[in-house]
C-alpha cells in the first residue's frame, strides 16, 4: 500500500478531486497555504494499492496546471534595499508537488 500526498493550487482542487473520485480513489482534502507566496493550496491525501499509483499520478498531472501569476514583492525590513524590486514580478505557480510514501500498516475502524 502507498500514501500519495499531493499539494495543488486551490484553483485545481475541485477538478482533481472529481477526477480522482470518478476513478474510485478515496481522498482526504486538507486546506493548506504555501510558504513562498502565502497563497491557498490544498493538500490531497490518497491511500491506494501500489498497482494504482501510476493511474493516480497521471490524474494529478492532468488536473494540475502550471500558470503565470503576478506577485508583489515584500519590501525589505531594515536590510539593504539596493536589490529591492518595487513592482510586481511574474512567477510560475501551480502544477503539483507529489510525495509517494510506503505504508507499513493500514487500519480502518
C-alpha atoms as a PDB file:
ATOM      1  CA  UNK A   1       0.000   0.000   0.000  1.00  0.00           C
ATOM      2  CA  UNK A   2       1.099   3.576  -0.719  1.00  0.00           C
ATOM      3  CA  UNK A   3       0.175   7.021   0.565  1.00  0.00           C
ATOM      4  CA  UNK A   4       0.159   9.756  -2.064  1.00  0.00           C
ATOM      5  CA  UNK A   5       0.347  13.325  -0.785  1.00  0.00           C
ATOM      6  CA  UNK A   6      -0.306  15.927  -3.491  1.00  0.00           C
ATOM      7  CA  UNK A   7      -0.081  19.671  -2.908  1.00  0.00           C
ATOM      8  CA  UNK A   8      -2.002  21.615  -5.550  1.00  0.00           C
ATOM      9  CA  UNK A   9      -3.300  25.142  -6.050  1.00  0.00           C
ATOM     10  CA  UNK A  10      -6.831  25.825  -4.841  1.00  0.00           C
ATOM     11  CA  UNK A  11      -7.870  26.540  -8.445  1.00  0.00           C
ATOM     12  CA  UNK A  12      -7.156  22.911  -9.409  1.00  0.00           C
ATOM     13  CA  UNK A  13      -8.688  21.229  -6.355  1.00  0.00           C
ATOM     14  CA  UNK A  14     -12.293  20.620  -7.459  1.00  0.00           C
ATOM     15  CA  UNK A  15     -11.299  19.254 -10.869  1.00  0.00           C
ATOM     16  CA  UNK A  16      -8.684  16.967  -9.279  1.00  0.00           C
ATOM     17  CA  UNK A  17     -10.971  15.584  -6.573  1.00  0.00           C
ATOM     18  CA  UNK A  18     -13.765  14.936  -9.078  1.00  0.00           C
ATOM     19  CA  UNK A  19     -11.416  13.087 -11.402  1.00  0.00           C
ATOM     20  CA  UNK A  20      -9.917  11.022  -8.585  1.00  0.00           C
ATOM     21  CA  UNK A  21     -13.314  10.034  -7.173  1.00  0.00           C
ATOM     22  CA  UNK A  22     -14.610   9.237 -10.683  1.00  0.00           C
ATOM     23  CA  UNK A  23     -11.750   6.701 -10.864  1.00  0.00           C
ATOM     24  CA  UNK A  24     -12.735   5.248  -7.445  1.00  0.00           C
ATOM     25  CA  UNK A  25      -9.875   6.769  -5.435  1.00  0.00           C
ATOM     26  CA  UNK A  26     -10.730   7.767  -1.869  1.00  0.00           C
ATOM     27  CA  UNK A  27      -9.307  11.176  -1.000  1.00  0.00           C
ATOM     28  CA  UNK A  28      -8.854  13.380   2.039  1.00  0.00           C
ATOM     29  CA  UNK A  29      -8.635  17.125   1.444  1.00  0.00           C
ATOM     30  CA  UNK A  30      -6.711  19.496   3.715  1.00  0.00           C
ATOM     31  CA  UNK A  31      -6.656  23.290   3.332  1.00  0.00           C
ATOM     32  CA  UNK A  32      -3.039  24.491   3.456  1.00  0.00           C
ATOM     33  CA  UNK A  33      -1.044  27.552   2.461  1.00  0.00           C
ATOM     34  CA  UNK A  34       2.303  27.837   0.763  1.00  0.00           C
ATOM     35  CA  UNK A  35       5.305  29.390   2.434  1.00  0.00           C
ATOM     36  CA  UNK A  36       6.638  31.261  -0.595  1.00  0.00           C
ATOM     37  CA  UNK A  37       3.575  33.026  -1.995  1.00  0.00           C
ATOM     38  CA  UNK A  38       1.462  32.711   1.178  1.00  0.00           C
ATOM     39  CA  UNK A  39      -1.420  31.671  -1.069  1.00  0.00           C
ATOM     40  CA  UNK A  40      -4.025  28.981  -0.633  1.00  0.00           C
ATOM     41  CA  UNK A  41      -3.140  25.439  -1.505  1.00  0.00           C
ATOM     42  CA  UNK A  42      -4.873  22.147  -0.984  1.00  0.00           C
ATOM     43  CA  UNK A  43      -3.147  19.017   0.208  1.00  0.00           C
ATOM     44  CA  UNK A  44      -4.779  15.833  -1.062  1.00  0.00           C
ATOM     45  CA  UNK A  45      -4.023  12.521   0.644  1.00  0.00           C
ATOM     46  CA  UNK A  46      -4.742   9.289  -1.222  1.00  0.00           C
ATOM     47  CA  UNK A  47      -4.231   5.797   0.161  1.00  0.00           C
ATOM     48  CA  UNK A  48      -4.073   3.214  -2.612  1.00  0.00           C
ATOM     49  CA  UNK A  49      -2.682  -0.114  -3.683  1.00  0.00           C
ATOM     50  CA  UNK A  50       0.727   0.022  -5.320  1.00  0.00           C
ATOM     51  CA  UNK A  51      -0.658  -1.092  -8.695  1.00  0.00           C
ATOM     52  CA  UNK A  52      -2.894   2.034  -8.868  1.00  0.00           C
ATOM     53  CA  UNK A  53      -0.193   4.612  -8.021  1.00  0.00           C
ATOM     54  CA  UNK A  54       0.676   5.412 -11.647  1.00  0.00           C
ATOM     55  CA  UNK A  55      -3.004   5.979 -12.510  1.00  0.00           C
ATOM     56  CA  UNK A  56      -3.367   8.400  -9.574  1.00  0.00           C
ATOM     57  CA  UNK A  57      -0.182  10.234 -10.582  1.00  0.00           C
ATOM     58  CA  UNK A  58      -1.453  10.621 -14.148  1.00  0.00           C
ATOM     59  CA  UNK A  59      -4.767  12.049 -12.905  1.00  0.00           C
ATOM     60  CA  UNK A  60      -2.903  14.514 -10.668  1.00  0.00           C
ATOM     61  CA  UNK A  61      -0.663  15.555 -13.558  1.00  0.00           C
ATOM     62  CA  UNK A  62      -3.598  16.023 -15.936  1.00  0.00           C
ATOM     63  CA  UNK A  63      -5.613  18.047 -13.400  1.00  0.00           C
ATOM     64  CA  UNK A  64      -2.900  20.375 -12.068  1.00  0.00           C
ATOM     65  CA  UNK A  65      -1.904  23.163 -14.418  1.00  0.00           C
ATOM     66  CA  UNK A  66       1.082  25.481 -14.222  1.00  0.00           C
ATOM     67  CA  UNK A  67       0.317  29.157 -14.800  1.00  0.00           C
ATOM     68  CA  UNK A  68       1.975  32.545 -14.572  1.00  0.00           C
ATOM     69  CA  UNK A  69       0.964  34.875 -11.740  1.00  0.00           C
ATOM     70  CA  UNK A  70       1.983  38.409 -10.799  1.00  0.00           C
ATOM     71  CA  UNK A  71       3.235  38.727  -7.219  1.00  0.00           C
ATOM     72  CA  UNK A  72       4.008  41.878  -5.295  1.00  0.00           C
ATOM     73  CA  UNK A  73       7.431  41.546  -3.640  1.00  0.00           C
ATOM     74  CA  UNK A  74       7.773  42.074   0.091  1.00  0.00           C
ATOM     75  CA  UNK A  75       9.779  45.194   0.956  1.00  0.00           C
ATOM     76  CA  UNK A  76      12.997  44.684   2.933  1.00  0.00           C
ATOM     77  CA  UNK A  77      12.817  45.391   6.662  1.00  0.00           C
ATOM     78  CA  UNK A  78      15.993  47.072   7.860  1.00  0.00           C
ATOM     79  CA  UNK A  79      18.101  45.352   5.216  1.00  0.00           C
ATOM     80  CA  UNK A  80      19.813  46.506   2.083  1.00  0.00           C
ATOM     81  CA  UNK A  81      17.198  47.947  -0.298  1.00  0.00           C
ATOM     82  CA  UNK A  82      19.602  48.063  -3.278  1.00  0.00           C
ATOM     83  CA  UNK A  83      18.253  44.833  -4.740  1.00  0.00           C
ATOM     84  CA  UNK A  84      14.595  45.536  -3.891  1.00  0.00           C
ATOM     85  CA  UNK A  85      12.275  45.492  -6.905  1.00  0.00           C
ATOM     86  CA  UNK A  86       9.229  47.706  -6.142  1.00  0.00           C
ATOM     87  CA  UNK A  87       6.944  46.354  -8.884  1.00  0.00           C
ATOM     88  CA  UNK A  88       5.111  43.024  -9.282  1.00  0.00           C
ATOM     89  CA  UNK A  89       7.092  40.110 -10.676  1.00  0.00           C
ATOM     90  CA  UNK A  90       5.672  37.278 -12.772  1.00  0.00           C
ATOM     91  CA  UNK A  91       6.339  33.810 -11.345  1.00  0.00           C
ATOM     92  CA  UNK A  92       5.247  30.332 -12.365  1.00  0.00           C
ATOM     93  CA  UNK A  93       2.757  28.767  -9.941  1.00  0.00           C
ATOM     94  CA  UNK A  94       0.561  25.720  -9.975  1.00  0.00           C
ATOM     95  CA  UNK A  95       1.280  22.228 -11.030  1.00  0.00           C
ATOM     96  CA  UNK A  96       1.575  19.735  -8.213  1.00  0.00           C
ATOM     97  CA  UNK A  97       4.134  18.656  -5.671  1.00  0.00           C
ATOM     98  CA  UNK A  98       3.619  14.956  -5.013  1.00  0.00           C
ATOM     99  CA  UNK A  99       5.086  12.566  -2.461  1.00  0.00           C
ATOM    100  CA  UNK A 100       4.576   8.792  -2.647  1.00  0.00           C
ATOM    101  CA  UNK A 101       5.235   7.064   0.653  1.00  0.00           C
ATOM    102  CA  UNK A 102       5.171   3.407   1.697  1.00  0.00           C
ATOM    103  CA  UNK A 103       2.502   2.414   4.222  1.00  0.00           C
ATOM    104  CA  UNK A 104       3.549  -0.281   6.670  1.00  0.00           C
ATOM    105  CA  UNK A 105       0.091  -0.745   8.182  1.00  0.00           C
ATOM    106  CA  UNK A 106      -3.427   0.405   7.448  1.00  0.00           C
ATOM    107  CA  UNK A 107      -6.361   0.269   9.879  1.00  0.00           C
ATOM    108  CA  UNK A 108      -9.920   1.434   9.346  1.00  0.00           C
ATOM    109  CA  UNK A 109     -12.158   1.475  12.409  1.00  0.00           C
END
